[in-house]
């Protein structure tokens, strides 16, 4: 019954994450970007962001361009916070 229920923030974070990681690495910021750390960063960023659930991701209520830009900016900020936190306490050796 609830199989179509989805948090759109997941798609946003997973789309923005590689771009933010690349930008930070290009700026000379050193941190682990292994698969384990990237999953930790994504999970933490999702915990920082408010959820945005929809009943069907293909039938979304219209968002304005300004709302989409704001959502991407919030995702970028959450990812940067997550990178900082995860790089301070990685879960691997």
N, C-alpha and C. Protein backbone atom coordinates (compact mmCIF):
# COMPACT_ATOMS: atom_id res chain seq x y z
N UNK A 1 0.82 -1.20 0.00
CA UNK A 1 0.00 0.00 0.00
C UNK A 1 0.86 1.27 0.00
N UNK A 2 1.99 1.22 0.68
CA UNK A 2 2.84 2.42 0.78
C UNK A 2 4.10 2.31 -0.09
N UNK A 3 4.06 1.47 -1.07
CA UNK A 3 5.26 1.21 -1.86
C UNK A 3 5.73 2.43 -2.67
N UNK A 4 4.84 3.36 -2.98
CA UNK A 4 5.24 4.55 -3.75
C UNK A 4 5.73 5.70 -2.89
N UNK A 5 5.63 5.57 -1.58
CA UNK A 5 6.03 6.63 -0.67
C UNK A 5 7.55 6.78 -0.71
N UNK A 6 8.02 7.98 -1.04
CA UNK A 6 9.46 8.21 -1.18
C UNK A 6 9.86 9.57 -0.62
N UNK A 7 11.08 9.61 -0.11
CA UNK A 7 11.67 10.86 0.35
C UNK A 7 12.51 11.43 -0.79
N UNK A 8 12.06 12.51 -1.39
CA UNK A 8 12.77 13.10 -2.53
C UNK A 8 14.14 13.64 -2.16
N UNK A 9 14.37 13.87 -0.88
CA UNK A 9 15.69 14.36 -0.46
C UNK A 9 16.78 13.35 -0.81
N UNK A 10 16.43 12.06 -0.82
CA UNK A 10 17.43 11.04 -1.16
C UNK A 10 17.96 11.26 -2.57
N UNK A 11 17.07 11.49 -3.51
CA UNK A 11 17.49 11.71 -4.89
C UNK A 11 18.33 12.98 -5.00
N UNK A 12 17.92 14.01 -4.28
CA UNK A 12 18.64 15.28 -4.33
C UNK A 12 20.05 15.12 -3.75
N UNK A 13 20.16 14.53 -2.58
CA UNK A 13 21.47 14.35 -1.95
C UNK A 13 22.37 13.49 -2.83
N UNK A 14 21.84 12.41 -3.37
CA UNK A 14 22.67 11.53 -4.20
C UNK A 14 23.07 12.19 -5.52
N UNK A 15 22.29 13.16 -5.98
CA UNK A 15 22.65 13.91 -7.18
C UNK A 15 23.71 14.97 -6.88
N UNK A 16 23.56 15.65 -5.76
CA UNK A 16 24.45 16.76 -5.41
C UNK A 16 25.77 16.28 -4.81
N UNK A 17 25.75 15.15 -4.12
CA UNK A 17 26.93 14.67 -3.40
C UNK A 17 28.20 14.59 -4.25
N UNK A 18 28.19 13.94 -5.41
CA UNK A 18 29.44 13.86 -6.19
C UNK A 18 29.98 15.23 -6.60
N UNK A 19 29.08 16.16 -6.89
CA UNK A 19 29.51 17.50 -7.30
C UNK A 19 30.18 18.23 -6.14
N UNK A 20 29.60 18.12 -4.95
CA UNK A 20 30.18 18.79 -3.78
C UNK A 20 31.52 18.17 -3.42
N UNK A 21 31.60 16.84 -3.47
CA UNK A 21 32.86 16.16 -3.18
C UNK A 21 33.95 16.63 -4.15
N UNK A 22 33.62 16.66 -5.42
CA UNK A 22 34.60 17.11 -6.43
C UNK A 22 35.02 18.55 -6.19
N UNK A 23 34.06 19.43 -5.91
CA UNK A 23 34.39 20.84 -5.65
C UNK A 23 35.31 20.97 -4.44
N UNK A 24 35.02 20.25 -3.38
CA UNK A 24 35.83 20.34 -2.17
C UNK A 24 37.23 19.78 -2.42
N UNK A 25 37.34 18.70 -3.16
CA UNK A 25 38.66 18.15 -3.47
C UNK A 25 39.44 19.10 -4.38
N UNK A 26 38.77 19.75 -5.32
CA UNK A 26 39.43 20.72 -6.19
C UNK A 26 39.91 21.94 -5.40
N UNK A 27 39.24 22.23 -4.30
CA UNK A 27 39.66 23.34 -3.43
C UNK A 27 40.81 22.94 -2.52
N UNK A 28 41.23 21.68 -2.61
CA UNK A 28 42.35 21.22 -1.81
C UNK A 28 41.96 20.65 -0.47
N UNK A 29 40.70 20.48 -0.23
CA UNK A 29 40.24 19.91 1.04
C UNK A 29 40.49 18.41 1.01
N UNK A 30 41.19 17.92 2.00
CA UNK A 30 41.55 16.51 2.06
C UNK A 30 40.59 15.76 2.98
N UNK A 31 39.90 14.78 2.45
CA UNK A 31 39.04 13.92 3.25
C UNK A 31 38.83 12.62 2.49
N UNK A 32 38.47 11.60 3.21
CA UNK A 32 38.26 10.29 2.60
C UNK A 32 36.96 10.30 1.80
N UNK A 33 37.03 9.83 0.56
CA UNK A 33 35.83 9.74 -0.28
C UNK A 33 35.62 8.30 -0.74
N UNK A 34 35.97 7.36 0.15
CA UNK A 34 35.75 5.95 -0.17
C UNK A 34 34.24 5.67 -0.09
N UNK A 35 33.79 4.55 -0.62
CA UNK A 35 32.36 4.24 -0.59
C UNK A 35 31.75 4.26 0.82
N UNK A 36 32.49 3.76 1.81
CA UNK A 36 31.99 3.76 3.19
C UNK A 36 31.74 5.18 3.68
N UNK A 37 32.70 6.06 3.46
CA UNK A 37 32.56 7.45 3.90
C UNK A 37 31.49 8.19 3.11
N UNK A 38 31.38 7.93 1.81
CA UNK A 38 30.34 8.58 1.02
C UNK A 38 28.94 8.19 1.48
N UNK A 39 28.75 6.93 1.84
CA UNK A 39 27.45 6.50 2.37
C UNK A 39 27.19 7.17 3.71
N UNK A 40 28.22 7.26 4.55
CA UNK A 40 28.06 7.96 5.84
C UNK A 40 27.71 9.43 5.62
N UNK A 41 28.37 10.07 4.67
CA UNK A 41 28.11 11.48 4.37
C UNK A 41 26.68 11.66 3.88
N UNK A 42 26.24 10.79 2.98
CA UNK A 42 24.87 10.88 2.46
C UNK A 42 23.86 10.66 3.58
N UNK A 43 24.08 9.66 4.42
CA UNK A 43 23.15 9.38 5.51
C UNK A 43 23.07 10.55 6.48
N UNK A 44 24.21 11.10 6.83
CA UNK A 44 24.22 12.23 7.76
C UNK A 44 23.55 13.45 7.14
N UNK A 45 23.83 13.72 5.88
CA UNK A 45 23.19 14.86 5.21
C UNK A 45 21.67 14.69 5.20
N UNK A 46 21.21 13.46 4.94
CA UNK A 46 19.76 13.21 4.95
C UNK A 46 19.16 13.40 6.34
N UNK A 47 19.92 13.10 7.38
CA UNK A 47 19.43 13.32 8.74
C UNK A 47 19.40 14.80 9.09
N UNK A 48 20.24 15.59 8.46
CA UNK A 48 20.25 17.03 8.69
C UNK A 48 19.07 17.70 7.99
N UNK A 49 18.76 17.26 6.78
CA UNK A 49 17.71 17.89 5.97
C UNK A 49 16.32 17.45 6.42
N UNK A 50 15.34 18.35 6.28
CA UNK A 50 13.97 17.92 6.56
C UNK A 50 13.51 16.98 5.45
N UNK A 51 12.73 15.95 5.80
CA UNK A 51 12.26 15.03 4.76
C UNK A 51 11.28 15.72 3.81
N UNK A 52 11.23 15.23 2.59
CA UNK A 52 10.29 15.75 1.59
C UNK A 52 9.64 14.54 0.93
N UNK A 53 8.63 14.01 1.60
CA UNK A 53 7.98 12.80 1.13
C UNK A 53 6.90 13.10 0.10
N UNK A 54 6.79 12.21 -0.85
CA UNK A 54 5.73 12.26 -1.85
C UNK A 54 5.15 10.85 -1.98
N UNK A 55 3.91 10.79 -2.45
CA UNK A 55 3.26 9.50 -2.64
C UNK A 55 3.67 8.84 -3.95
N UNK A 56 4.19 9.63 -4.87
CA UNK A 56 4.62 9.11 -6.17
C UNK A 56 5.60 10.11 -6.77
N UNK A 57 6.85 9.72 -6.90
CA UNK A 57 7.87 10.67 -7.36
C UNK A 57 7.63 11.14 -8.79
N UNK A 58 6.81 10.45 -9.53
CA UNK A 58 6.54 10.84 -10.92
C UNK A 58 5.33 11.77 -11.03
N UNK A 59 4.67 12.00 -9.92
CA UNK A 59 3.49 12.87 -9.91
C UNK A 59 3.66 13.90 -8.80
N UNK A 60 4.72 14.70 -8.93
CA UNK A 60 5.08 15.67 -7.90
C UNK A 60 4.34 16.98 -8.14
N UNK A 61 3.91 17.58 -7.05
CA UNK A 61 3.32 18.91 -7.17
C UNK A 61 4.39 19.86 -7.69
N UNK A 62 4.00 20.80 -8.51
CA UNK A 62 4.94 21.71 -9.15
C UNK A 62 5.77 22.50 -8.17
N UNK A 63 7.06 22.55 -8.43
CA UNK A 63 7.98 23.37 -7.67
C UNK A 63 8.46 24.49 -8.55
N UNK A 64 8.65 25.64 -7.96
CA UNK A 64 9.18 26.75 -8.73
C UNK A 64 10.70 26.57 -8.87
N UNK A 65 11.28 27.28 -9.80
CA UNK A 65 12.74 27.24 -9.98
C UNK A 65 13.43 27.72 -8.71
N UNK A 66 12.88 28.72 -8.06
CA UNK A 66 13.46 29.24 -6.82
C UNK A 66 13.45 28.17 -5.73
N UNK A 67 12.40 27.39 -5.65
CA UNK A 67 12.32 26.31 -4.66
C UNK A 67 13.35 25.22 -4.95
N UNK A 68 13.54 24.90 -6.23
CA UNK A 68 14.53 23.89 -6.61
C UNK A 68 15.95 24.38 -6.28
N UNK A 69 16.23 25.65 -6.55
CA UNK A 69 17.55 26.22 -6.25
C UNK A 69 17.78 26.21 -4.75
N UNK A 70 16.78 26.62 -3.99
CA UNK A 70 16.91 26.65 -2.53
C UNK A 70 17.15 25.24 -1.98
N UNK A 71 16.43 24.25 -2.50
CA UNK A 71 16.60 22.87 -2.04
C UNK A 71 18.01 22.37 -2.33
N UNK A 72 18.55 22.68 -3.51
CA UNK A 72 19.92 22.28 -3.85
C UNK A 72 20.94 22.95 -2.93
N UNK A 73 20.72 24.22 -2.64
CA UNK A 73 21.63 24.95 -1.74
C UNK A 73 21.60 24.34 -0.35
N UNK A 74 20.41 23.99 0.14
CA UNK A 74 20.29 23.37 1.46
C UNK A 74 20.97 22.00 1.46
N UNK A 75 20.83 21.25 0.38
CA UNK A 75 21.48 19.95 0.29
C UNK A 75 23.00 20.12 0.29
N UNK A 76 23.51 21.10 -0.44
CA UNK A 76 24.95 21.35 -0.46
C UNK A 76 25.46 21.69 0.93
N UNK A 77 24.74 22.54 1.65
CA UNK A 77 25.15 22.90 3.02
C UNK A 77 25.16 21.68 3.92
N UNK A 78 24.12 20.85 3.83
CA UNK A 78 24.04 19.65 4.67
C UNK A 78 25.18 18.69 4.33
N UNK A 79 25.51 18.56 3.06
CA UNK A 79 26.61 17.68 2.65
C UNK A 79 27.94 18.21 3.17
N UNK A 80 28.15 19.51 3.12
CA UNK A 80 29.40 20.09 3.64
C UNK A 80 29.53 19.83 5.14
N UNK A 81 28.44 19.99 5.87
CA UNK A 81 28.46 19.68 7.31
C UNK A 81 28.78 18.20 7.52
N UNK A 82 28.15 17.35 6.72
CA UNK A 82 28.36 15.91 6.83
C UNK A 82 29.79 15.53 6.51
N UNK A 83 30.38 16.14 5.49
CA UNK A 83 31.78 15.87 5.15
C UNK A 83 32.67 16.21 6.33
N UNK A 84 32.43 17.35 6.94
CA UNK A 84 33.24 17.78 8.08
C UNK A 84 33.11 16.77 9.24
N UNK A 85 31.89 16.38 9.55
CA UNK A 85 31.66 15.46 10.67
C UNK A 85 32.23 14.06 10.39
N UNK A 86 32.00 13.56 9.20
CA UNK A 86 32.48 12.21 8.88
C UNK A 86 34.00 12.19 8.80
N UNK A 87 34.59 13.22 8.24
CA UNK A 87 36.07 13.22 8.15
C UNK A 87 36.71 13.35 9.53
N UNK A 88 35.98 13.87 10.49
CA UNK A 88 36.51 13.96 11.86
C UNK A 88 36.42 12.62 12.58
N UNK A 89 35.49 11.75 12.11
CA UNK A 89 35.29 10.44 12.78
C UNK A 89 34.91 9.38 11.77
N UNK A 90 35.85 8.94 10.95
CA UNK A 90 35.57 7.91 9.98
C UNK A 90 35.30 6.58 10.67
N UNK A 91 34.56 5.69 10.00
CA UNK A 91 34.21 4.40 10.57
C UNK A 91 35.12 3.27 10.09
N UNK A 92 36.21 3.60 9.47
CA UNK A 92 37.14 2.59 8.99
C UNK A 92 38.55 2.98 9.35
N UNK A 93 39.46 2.07 9.13
CA UNK A 93 40.87 2.33 9.48
C UNK A 93 41.61 3.00 8.37
